[in-house]
Amino acid sequence: MDTPSTSAAALKLQIQQLESVINRRKAAETAPAQPPAPSTSARPRSNVYVNPNYKPPSKTARPPAPPPQPRPAARPPPTLPQEKRDVVLNGVQFESSGRALVRKDPALLAALDWTDAT
C-alpha cells in the first residue's frame, strides 16, 4: 500500500491546490466586475446609414484666433428736446416736441391771431 511519505506528499500537494483555488476565488470577489470589452471585429449593424462621402476632420493645427479688440464705449442716446419749437419744411409750418411733428394750419393760425388781436 502507500508508504507514509508518499501519502504525506500527496496530502501536501492537495492542500496547495486547494489553497490556490481559495486564493483565486478571494481575488475574484474583491476585484470589481468589468464588462467584456466590445470586440472591434463584430459585424456592424445593418440598419445604420453610412455617408459614403464623409471625410473625418483633418488634424492640422490652426493658428489661434486673434484676441477680440475692445469696443469703444457706446454713445448715450440723444436727449430729446422738451421744449416745443416751430419747424418749417417746404414752406409748411410744424410744431415739434420730442419725436412728434404737429402741422400748424395757416387758417387756424389766422383765426387764432384774429381772436387774440381783439
C-alpha atoms as a PDB file:
ATOM      1  CA  MET A   1       0.000   0.000   0.000  1.00  0.00           C
ATOM      2  CA  ASP A   2       1.004   3.607   0.335  1.00  0.00           C
ATOM      3  CA  THR A   3       4.002   4.435   2.343  1.00  0.00           C
ATOM      4  CA  PRO A   4       3.660   7.218   4.876  1.00  0.00           C
ATOM      5  CA  SER A   5       5.979   9.539   2.926  1.00  0.00           C
ATOM      6  CA  THR A   6       4.012   9.145  -0.312  1.00  0.00           C
ATOM      7  CA  SER A   7       0.655   9.808   1.320  1.00  0.00           C
ATOM      8  CA  ALA A   8       2.065  12.857   3.139  1.00  0.00           C
ATOM      9  CA  ALA A   9       3.446  14.283  -0.124  1.00  0.00           C
ATOM     10  CA  ALA A  10       0.125  13.681  -1.872  1.00  0.00           C
ATOM     11  CA  LEU A  11      -1.702  15.339   1.023  1.00  0.00           C
ATOM     12  CA  LYS A  12       0.607  18.409   0.852  1.00  0.00           C
ATOM     13  CA  LEU A  13       0.062  18.653  -2.902  1.00  0.00           C
ATOM     14  CA  GLN A  14      -3.710  18.540  -2.478  1.00  0.00           C
ATOM     15  CA  ILE A  15      -3.555  21.233   0.259  1.00  0.00           C
ATOM     16  CA  GLN A  16      -1.539  23.521  -2.047  1.00  0.00           C
ATOM     17  CA  GLN A  17      -4.040  23.054  -4.855  1.00  0.00           C
ATOM     18  CA  LEU A  18      -6.961  23.866  -2.549  1.00  0.00           C
ATOM     19  CA  GLU A  19      -5.162  26.976  -1.213  1.00  0.00           C
ATOM     20  CA  SER A  20      -4.561  28.257  -4.733  1.00  0.00           C
ATOM     21  CA  VAL A  21      -8.245  27.741  -5.644  1.00  0.00           C
ATOM     22  CA  ILE A  22      -9.342  29.581  -2.481  1.00  0.00           C
ATOM     23  CA  ASN A  23      -6.938  32.471  -3.154  1.00  0.00           C
ATOM     24  CA  ARG A  24      -8.146  32.823  -6.754  1.00  0.00           C
ATOM     25  CA  ARG A  25     -11.784  32.981  -5.629  1.00  0.00           C
ATOM     26  CA  LYS A  26     -10.992  35.589  -2.959  1.00  0.00           C
ATOM     27  CA  ALA A  27      -9.182  37.729  -5.517  1.00  0.00           C
ATOM     28  CA  ALA A  28     -12.108  37.445  -7.938  1.00  0.00           C
ATOM     29  CA  GLU A  29     -14.585  38.536  -5.217  1.00  0.00           C
ATOM     30  CA  THR A  30     -12.598  41.653  -4.255  1.00  0.00           C
ATOM     31  CA  ALA A  31     -11.889  42.770  -7.843  1.00  0.00           C
ATOM     32  CA  PRO A  32     -14.719  44.815  -9.440  1.00  0.00           C
ATOM     33  CA  ALA A  33     -16.585  43.066 -12.183  1.00  0.00           C
ATOM     34  CA  GLN A  34     -15.673  44.552 -15.555  1.00  0.00           C
ATOM     35  CA  PRO A  35     -17.918  44.148 -18.572  1.00  0.00           C
ATOM     36  CA  PRO A  36     -16.287  42.439 -21.502  1.00  0.00           C
ATOM     37  CA  ALA A  37     -14.656  44.824 -23.946  1.00  0.00           C
ATOM     38  CA  PRO A  38     -16.600  45.176 -27.201  1.00  0.00           C
ATOM     39  CA  SER A  39     -14.878  43.415 -29.999  1.00  0.00           C
ATOM     40  CA  THR A  40     -13.866  45.507 -32.967  1.00  0.00           C
ATOM     41  CA  SER A  41     -14.324  42.604 -35.307  1.00  0.00           C
ATOM     42  CA  ALA A  42     -18.069  42.396 -34.614  1.00  0.00           C
ATOM     43  CA  ARG A  43     -20.322  42.931 -37.612  1.00  0.00           C
ATOM     44  CA  PRO A  44     -21.728  46.468 -37.876  1.00  0.00           C
ATOM     45  CA  ARG A  45     -25.449  46.992 -37.644  1.00  0.00           C
ATOM     46  CA  SER A  46     -27.119  46.595 -40.991  1.00  0.00           C
ATOM     47  CA  ASN A  47     -29.715  49.351 -40.484  1.00  0.00           C
ATOM     48  CA  VAL A  48     -27.245  52.206 -39.915  1.00  0.00           C
ATOM     49  CA  TYR A  49     -26.704  54.736 -42.712  1.00  0.00           C
ATOM     50  CA  VAL A  50     -23.090  55.492 -43.522  1.00  0.00           C
ATOM     51  CA  ASN A  51     -22.432  58.552 -45.671  1.00  0.00           C
ATOM     52  CA  PRO A  52     -20.088  57.412 -48.451  1.00  0.00           C
ATOM     53  CA  ASN A  53     -18.749  60.976 -48.926  1.00  0.00           C
ATOM     54  CA  TYR A  54     -17.892  61.514 -45.255  1.00  0.00           C
ATOM     55  CA  LYS A  55     -14.362  62.662 -44.575  1.00  0.00           C
ATOM     56  CA  PRO A  56     -13.227  62.923 -40.959  1.00  0.00           C
ATOM     57  CA  PRO A  57     -11.923  66.340 -39.892  1.00  0.00           C
ATOM     58  CA  SER A  58      -8.253  66.862 -40.522  1.00  0.00           C
ATOM     59  CA  LYS A  59      -5.895  67.070 -37.585  1.00  0.00           C
ATOM     60  CA  THR A  60      -3.939  70.040 -38.945  1.00  0.00           C
ATOM     61  CA  ALA A  61      -3.197  72.764 -36.452  1.00  0.00           C
ATOM     62  CA  ARG A  62      -4.944  76.069 -36.989  1.00  0.00           C
ATOM     63  CA  PRO A  63      -3.417  79.353 -35.902  1.00  0.00           C
ATOM     64  CA  PRO A  64      -5.121  80.693 -32.793  1.00  0.00           C
ATOM     65  CA  ALA A  65      -7.789  83.321 -33.301  1.00  0.00           C
ATOM     66  CA  PRO A  66      -6.658  86.887 -32.558  1.00  0.00           C
ATOM     67  CA  PRO A  67      -7.902  88.260 -29.234  1.00  0.00           C
ATOM     68  CA  PRO A  68     -11.037  90.365 -29.559  1.00  0.00           C
ATOM     69  CA  GLN A  69     -10.444  94.096 -29.781  1.00  0.00           C
ATOM     70  CA  PRO A  70     -12.134  96.184 -27.093  1.00  0.00           C
ATOM     71  CA  ARG A  71     -15.092  98.071 -28.457  1.00  0.00           C
ATOM     72  CA  PRO A  72     -15.405 101.796 -27.907  1.00  0.00           C
ATOM     73  CA  ALA A  73     -17.995 102.850 -25.393  1.00  0.00           C
ATOM     74  CA  ALA A  74     -21.462 103.191 -26.867  1.00  0.00           C
ATOM     75  CA  ARG A  75     -22.732 106.711 -27.268  1.00  0.00           C
ATOM     76  CA  PRO A  76     -25.558 107.670 -24.924  1.00  0.00           C
ATOM     77  CA  PRO A  77     -28.917 108.057 -26.644  1.00  0.00           C
ATOM     78  CA  PRO A  78     -29.559 111.599 -27.856  1.00  0.00           C
ATOM     79  CA  THR A  79     -31.586 113.660 -25.468  1.00  0.00           C
ATOM     80  CA  LEU A  80     -34.891 114.790 -26.841  1.00  0.00           C
ATOM     81  CA  PRO A  81     -35.710 118.482 -26.543  1.00  0.00           C
ATOM     82  CA  GLN A  82     -38.506 119.012 -24.056  1.00  0.00           C
ATOM     83  CA  GLU A  83     -39.466 122.477 -25.319  1.00  0.00           C
ATOM     84  CA  LYS A  84     -41.737 122.969 -28.315  1.00  0.00           C
ATOM     85  CA  ARG A  85     -40.150 124.543 -31.374  1.00  0.00           C
ATOM     86  CA  ASP A  86     -41.522 125.732 -34.666  1.00  0.00           C
ATOM     87  CA  VAL A  87     -40.096 123.974 -37.741  1.00  0.00           C
ATOM     88  CA  VAL A  88     -40.698 124.904 -41.375  1.00  0.00           C
ATOM     89  CA  LEU A  89     -40.440 122.149 -44.006  1.00  0.00           C
ATOM     90  CA  ASN A  90     -41.119 123.029 -47.668  1.00  0.00           C
ATOM     91  CA  GLY A  91     -42.988 126.137 -46.615  1.00  0.00           C
ATOM     92  CA  VAL A  92     -45.278 124.271 -44.182  1.00  0.00           C
ATOM     93  CA  GLN A  93     -45.004 125.151 -40.524  1.00  0.00           C
ATOM     94  CA  PHE A  94     -44.849 122.386 -37.884  1.00  0.00           C
ATOM     95  CA  GLU A  95     -44.559 122.358 -34.133  1.00  0.00           C
ATOM     96  CA  SER A  96     -42.010 119.839 -32.877  1.00  0.00           C
ATOM     97  CA  SER A  97     -41.988 118.387 -29.401  1.00  0.00           C
ATOM     98  CA  GLY A  98     -39.747 115.415 -28.795  1.00  0.00           C
ATOM     99  CA  ARG A  99     -40.385 112.925 -31.573  1.00  0.00           C
ATOM    100  CA  ALA A 100     -43.679 114.342 -32.843  1.00  0.00           C
ATOM    101  CA  LEU A 101     -44.317 116.964 -35.522  1.00  0.00           C
ATOM    102  CA  VAL A 102     -47.732 118.609 -35.497  1.00  0.00           C
ATOM    103  CA  ARG A 103     -48.752 120.646 -38.543  1.00  0.00           C
ATOM    104  CA  LYS A 104     -49.859 124.169 -37.862  1.00  0.00           C
ATOM    105  CA  ASP A 105     -52.821 125.028 -40.057  1.00  0.00           C
ATOM    106  CA  PRO A 106     -52.382 128.555 -41.512  1.00  0.00           C
ATOM    107  CA  ALA A 107     -56.165 129.162 -41.468  1.00  0.00           C
ATOM    108  CA  LEU A 108     -56.345 128.155 -37.830  1.00  0.00           C
ATOM    109  CA  LEU A 109     -53.369 130.354 -37.055  1.00  0.00           C
ATOM    110  CA  ALA A 110     -55.018 133.308 -38.761  1.00  0.00           C
ATOM    111  CA  ALA A 111     -58.199 132.693 -36.779  1.00  0.00           C
ATOM    112  CA  LEU A 112     -56.247 132.469 -33.548  1.00  0.00           C
ATOM    113  CA  ASP A 113     -54.276 135.610 -34.363  1.00  0.00           C
ATOM    114  CA  TRP A 114     -57.525 137.476 -35.200  1.00  0.00           C
ATOM    115  CA  THR A 115     -59.155 136.492 -31.900  1.00  0.00           C
ATOM    116  CA  ASP A 116     -56.050 137.460 -29.964  1.00  0.00           C
ATOM    117  CA  ALA A 117     -55.960 140.895 -31.616  1.00  0.00           C
ATOM    118  CA  THR A 118     -59.423 141.900 -30.381  1.00  0.00           C
END
